[in-house]
C-alpha atoms as a PDB file:
ATOM      1  CA  UNK A   1       0.182  -0.135  -0.079  1.00  0.00           C
ATOM      2  CA  UNK A   2       2.692   2.610   0.326  1.00  0.00           C
ATOM      3  CA  UNK A   3       3.910   1.890  -2.947  1.00  0.00           C
ATOM      4  CA  UNK A   4       0.774   3.229  -4.353  1.00  0.00           C
ATOM      5  CA  UNK A   5       0.062   6.244  -1.793  1.00  0.00           C
ATOM      6  CA  UNK A   6       3.541   7.174  -3.256  1.00  0.00           C
ATOM      7  CA  UNK A   7       2.893   6.769  -6.846  1.00  0.00           C
ATOM      8  CA  UNK A   8      -0.393   8.816  -5.945  1.00  0.00           C
ATOM      9  CA  UNK A   9       1.630  11.656  -4.598  1.00  0.00           C
ATOM     10  CA  UNK A  10       4.320  11.681  -7.222  1.00  0.00           C
ATOM     11  CA  UNK A  11       1.800  11.755 -10.252  1.00  0.00           C
ATOM     12  CA  UNK A  12      -0.433  14.502  -8.081  1.00  0.00           C
ATOM     13  CA  UNK A  13       2.773  16.450  -7.181  1.00  0.00           C
ATOM     14  CA  UNK A  14       4.677  15.640 -10.744  1.00  0.00           C
ATOM     15  CA  UNK A  15       1.056  17.377 -12.741  1.00  0.00           C
ATOM     16  CA  UNK A  16       0.537  20.555 -10.298  1.00  0.00           C
ATOM     17  CA  UNK A  17       4.100  21.569 -10.815  1.00  0.00           C
ATOM     18  CA  UNK A  18       4.153  20.381 -14.253  1.00  0.00           C
ATOM     19  CA  UNK A  19       1.347  22.813 -14.585  1.00  0.00           C
ATOM     20  CA  UNK A  20       2.390  25.657 -12.793  1.00  0.00           C
ATOM     21  CA  UNK A  21       6.221  25.809 -13.955  1.00  0.00           C
ATOM     22  CA  UNK A  22       5.153  24.499 -17.297  1.00  0.00           C
ATOM     23  CA  UNK A  23       3.510  27.919 -17.281  1.00  0.00           C
ATOM     24  CA  UNK A  24       6.235  29.969 -16.843  1.00  0.00           C
ATOM     25  CA  UNK A  25       8.859  27.674 -19.142  1.00  0.00           C
ATOM     26  CA  UNK A  26      11.191  25.789 -16.589  1.00  0.00           C
ATOM     27  CA  UNK A  27      12.774  23.169 -18.638  1.00  0.00           C
ATOM     28  CA  UNK A  28      11.217  19.288 -17.903  1.00  0.00           C
ATOM     29  CA  UNK A  29      14.855  17.988 -16.166  1.00  0.00           C
ATOM     30  CA  UNK A  30      14.252  20.754 -13.186  1.00  0.00           C
ATOM     31  CA  UNK A  31      10.571  19.682 -12.779  1.00  0.00           C
ATOM     32  CA  UNK A  32      11.211  16.408 -12.015  1.00  0.00           C
ATOM     33  CA  UNK A  33      13.929  17.100 -10.030  1.00  0.00           C
ATOM     34  CA  UNK A  34      11.804  19.030  -8.281  1.00  0.00           C
ATOM     35  CA  UNK A  35       8.677  16.824  -8.193  1.00  0.00           C
ATOM     36  CA  UNK A  36      11.025  14.126  -6.973  1.00  0.00           C
ATOM     37  CA  UNK A  37      12.810  15.848  -3.956  1.00  0.00           C
ATOM     38  CA  UNK A  38       9.299  17.245  -2.746  1.00  0.00           C
ATOM     39  CA  UNK A  39       7.554  13.812  -3.062  1.00  0.00           C
ATOM     40  CA  UNK A  40      10.333  12.153  -1.183  1.00  0.00           C
ATOM     41  CA  UNK A  41      10.488  14.512   2.064  1.00  0.00           C
ATOM     42  CA  UNK A  42       6.159  14.802   1.839  1.00  0.00           C
ATOM     43  CA  UNK A  43       5.867  11.283   2.173  1.00  0.00           C
ATOM     44  CA  UNK A  44       8.170  10.641   4.633  1.00  0.00           C
ATOM     45  CA  UNK A  45       6.527  13.545   6.488  1.00  0.00           C
ATOM     46  CA  UNK A  46       3.125  12.065   5.807  1.00  0.00           C
ATOM     47  CA  UNK A  47       3.977   8.697   7.133  1.00  0.00           C
ATOM     48  CA  UNK A  48       6.173   9.205   9.956  1.00  0.00           C
ATOM     49  CA  UNK A  49       4.461  12.561  11.171  1.00  0.00           C
ATOM     50  CA  UNK A  50       0.786  12.291  10.096  1.00  0.00           C
ATOM     51  CA  UNK A  51      -0.517   9.971  12.342  1.00  0.00           C
ATOM     52  CA  UNK A  52       0.939  11.614  15.393  1.00  0.00           C
ATOM     53  CA  UNK A  53      -0.168  15.390  14.469  1.00  0.00           C
ATOM     54  CA  UNK A  54      -3.061  14.733  12.858  1.00  0.00           C
ATOM     55  CA  UNK A  55      -4.203  15.729   9.256  1.00  0.00           C
ATOM     56  CA  UNK A  56      -4.922  19.378   9.372  1.00  0.00           C
ATOM     57  CA  UNK A  57      -1.453  20.037  10.958  1.00  0.00           C
ATOM     58  CA  UNK A  58       0.011  17.362   8.410  1.00  0.00           C
ATOM     59  CA  UNK A  59      -1.375  19.334   5.770  1.00  0.00           C
ATOM     60  CA  UNK A  60       0.063  22.397   6.724  1.00  0.00           C
ATOM     61  CA  UNK A  61       3.211  21.234   7.097  1.00  0.00           C
ATOM     62  CA  UNK A  62       2.863  19.670   3.813  1.00  0.00           C
ATOM     63  CA  UNK A  63       1.854  23.259   2.448  1.00  0.00           C
ATOM     64  CA  UNK A  64       5.080  25.052   4.138  1.00  0.00           C
ATOM     65  CA  UNK A  65       7.342  21.883   2.779  1.00  0.00           C
ATOM     66  CA  UNK A  66       5.887  22.898  -0.659  1.00  0.00           C
ATOM     67  CA  UNK A  67       6.440  26.405  -0.548  1.00  0.00           C
ATOM     68  CA  UNK A  68      10.357  25.974   0.660  1.00  0.00           C
ATOM     69  CA  UNK A  69      11.317  23.186  -1.506  1.00  0.00           C
ATOM     70  CA  UNK A  70       9.894  24.696  -4.978  1.00  0.00           C
ATOM     71  CA  UNK A  71      11.387  28.295  -3.633  1.00  0.00           C
ATOM     72  CA  UNK A  72      15.038  26.701  -2.636  1.00  0.00           C
ATOM     73  CA  UNK A  73      15.359  24.547  -5.593  1.00  0.00           C
ATOM     74  CA  UNK A  74      13.658  27.318  -7.608  1.00  0.00           C
ATOM     75  CA  UNK A  75      16.447  29.718  -6.746  1.00  0.00           C
ATOM     76  CA  UNK A  76      19.083  26.881  -7.851  1.00  0.00           C
ATOM     77  CA  UNK A  77      17.539  25.362 -10.788  1.00  0.00           C
ATOM     78  CA  UNK A  78      15.292  27.628 -12.574  1.00  0.00           C
ATOM     79  CA  UNK A  79      16.027  31.084 -14.579  1.00  0.00           C
ATOM     80  CA  UNK A  80      16.544  33.629 -12.588  1.00  0.00           C
ATOM     81  CA  UNK A  81      13.294  35.875 -14.913  1.00  0.00           C
ATOM     82  CA  UNK A  82      11.269  33.077 -13.122  1.00  0.00           C
ATOM     83  CA  UNK A  83       9.010  34.359 -10.150  1.00  0.00           C
ATOM     84  CA  UNK A  84      10.157  31.201  -7.773  1.00  0.00           C
ATOM     85  CA  UNK A  85       8.370  32.698  -4.930  1.00  0.00           C
ATOM     86  CA  UNK A  86       5.019  33.189  -6.690  1.00  0.00           C
ATOM     87  CA  UNK A  87       5.413  29.491  -8.262  1.00  0.00           C
ATOM     88  CA  UNK A  88       6.022  28.184  -5.113  1.00  0.00           C
ATOM     89  CA  UNK A  89       2.924  29.745  -3.494  1.00  0.00           C
ATOM     90  CA  UNK A  90       0.718  29.065  -6.303  1.00  0.00           C
ATOM     91  CA  UNK A  91       2.491  25.241  -6.322  1.00  0.00           C
ATOM     92  CA  UNK A  92       1.513  24.800  -2.279  1.00  0.00           C
ATOM     93  CA  UNK A  93      -1.934  26.120  -2.483  1.00  0.00           C
ATOM     94  CA  UNK A  94      -2.605  23.590  -5.070  1.00  0.00           C
ATOM     95  CA  UNK A  95      -1.100  20.869  -3.525  1.00  0.00           C
ATOM     96  CA  UNK A  96      -3.058  21.303  -0.276  1.00  0.00           C
ATOM     97  CA  UNK A  97      -6.197  20.233  -1.898  1.00  0.00           C
ATOM     98  CA  UNK A  98      -4.977  17.018  -3.287  1.00  0.00           C
ATOM     99  CA  UNK A  99      -2.817  16.343   0.078  1.00  0.00           C
ATOM    100  CA  UNK A 100      -6.165  16.466   2.072  1.00  0.00           C
ATOM    101  CA  UNK A 101      -7.532  13.725   0.197  1.00  0.00           C
ATOM    102  CA  UNK A 102      -4.478  11.846   0.035  1.00  0.00           C
ATOM    103  CA  UNK A 103      -4.058  11.889   3.808  1.00  0.00           C
ATOM    104  CA  UNK A 104      -7.741  10.749   4.078  1.00  0.00           C
ATOM    105  CA  UNK A 105      -6.491   7.445   1.173  1.00  0.00           C
ATOM    106  CA  UNK A 106      -3.422   6.863   4.030  1.00  0.00           C
ATOM    107  CA  UNK A 107      -5.122   6.711   6.740  1.00  0.00           C
ATOM    108  CA  UNK A 108      -8.008   4.553   5.841  1.00  0.00           C
ATOM    109  CA  UNK A 109      -5.549   2.312   3.750  1.00  0.00           C
ATOM    110  CA  UNK A 110      -2.049   2.067   5.386  1.00  0.00           C
ATOM    111  CA  UNK A 111      -3.077   3.404   8.894  1.00  0.00           C
ATOM    112  CA  UNK A 112      -5.933   1.053   9.832  1.00  0.00           C
ATOM    113  CA  UNK A 113      -7.346   1.508  13.176  1.00  0.00           C
ATOM    114  CA  UNK A 114      -5.874  -0.464  15.993  1.00  0.00           C
ATOM    115  CA  UNK A 115      -8.617  -1.276  17.963  1.00  0.00           C
ATOM    116  CA  UNK A 116      -7.285  -3.570  21.287  1.00  0.00           C
ATOM    117  CA  UNK A 117     -11.111  -4.267  22.498  1.00  0.00           C
ATOM    118  CA  UNK A 118     -12.796  -6.860  20.218  1.00  0.00           C
ATOM    119  CA  UNK A 119     -15.995  -5.223  21.576  1.00  0.00           C
ATOM    120  CA  UNK A 120     -15.125  -1.827  19.808  1.00  0.00           C
ATOM    121  CA  UNK A 121     -14.305  -3.649  16.309  1.00  0.00           C
ATOM    122  CA  UNK A 122     -17.389  -2.349  14.235  1.00  0.00           C
ATOM    123  CA  UNK A 123     -17.346  -3.896  10.954  1.00  0.00           C
ATOM    124  CA  UNK A 124     -14.851  -6.637  11.302  1.00  0.00           C
ATOM    125  CA  UNK A 125     -15.625 -10.372  12.180  1.00  0.00           C
ATOM    126  CA  UNK A 126     -14.115 -11.972  15.075  1.00  0.00           C
ATOM    127  CA  UNK A 127     -12.994 -15.604  14.845  1.00  0.00           C
ATOM    128  CA  UNK A 128     -14.922 -16.871  17.450  1.00  0.00           C
ATOM    129  CA  UNK A 129     -18.181 -14.990  15.682  1.00  0.00           C
ATOM    130  CA  UNK A 130     -17.460 -17.129  12.238  1.00  0.00           C
ATOM    131  CA  UNK A 131     -16.956 -20.539  13.706  1.00  0.00           C
ATOM    132  CA  UNK A 132     -19.445 -23.363  11.892  1.00  0.00           C
ATOM    133  CA  UNK A 133     -20.360 -26.366  13.746  1.00  0.00           C
ATOM    134  CA  UNK A 134     -21.133 -29.761  12.333  1.00  0.00           C
ATOM    135  CA  UNK A 135     -22.803 -32.293  13.604  1.00  0.00           C
ATOM    136  CA  UNK A 136     -25.631 -35.021  13.384  1.00  0.00           C
ATOM    137  CA  UNK A 137     -29.040 -34.134  14.996  1.00  0.00           C
ATOM    138  CA  UNK A 138     -29.540 -36.689  17.574  1.00  0.00           C
ATOM    139  CA  UNK A 139     -33.226 -37.735  18.806  1.00  0.00           C
ATOM    140  CA  UNK A 140     -34.374 -38.488  22.353  1.00  0.00           C
ATOM    141  CA  UNK A 141     -34.505 -42.074  21.003  1.00  0.00           C
ATOM    142  CA  UNK A 142     -30.402 -42.212  20.128  1.00  0.00           C
ATOM    143  CA  UNK A 143     -29.701 -41.296  24.145  1.00  0.00           C
ATOM    144  CA  UNK A 144     -31.938 -44.441  24.910  1.00  0.00           C
ATOM    145  CA  UNK A 145     -29.795 -47.483  26.209  1.00  0.00           C
ATOM    146  CA  UNK A 146     -30.518 -50.206  23.920  1.00  0.00           C
END
C-alpha cells in the first residue's frame, strides 16, 4: 500500500508542478527534480508525522514544505526570470487540496485503526463469530440405552 500511495503522491505532485512551472517555461528535467524531491520529503512526513499530529497539521506542514522546497530549488535551478516565490506559493496552494484527500487515503488504507478491545471492532468479524459446527442431529431415541 505504501507503493500505491507514493505513486499517487508523485503523480499528483508532478502534475501540479508541471502545470505551474510549465507556464513559466521551466525545463522538464528541473520539474522532475523538484517533483521527486518534494514527493520523497513529503511522503516521509506523511508516513511518520501524520499519525502523530493529525491531518490538518500534516496538510499545513505539506504547504510549508512545498513552499520551501520549490522556492529553494527554484532559486538554484530555474531561470532567474522565473518568479520562484510566486510559483512556489501557487504550487503549495494547489497541492494542499490534493494532500487532504491523499491523507484520507493513507489513513484508511495504510494506517488501519488499531483496536485492542474486540467489542469495539465495528465492521470486523471476530474469529469466534465465524465458527461453524458440523454435527449429526440426535433425537431422544438415540440417547436411550439399547
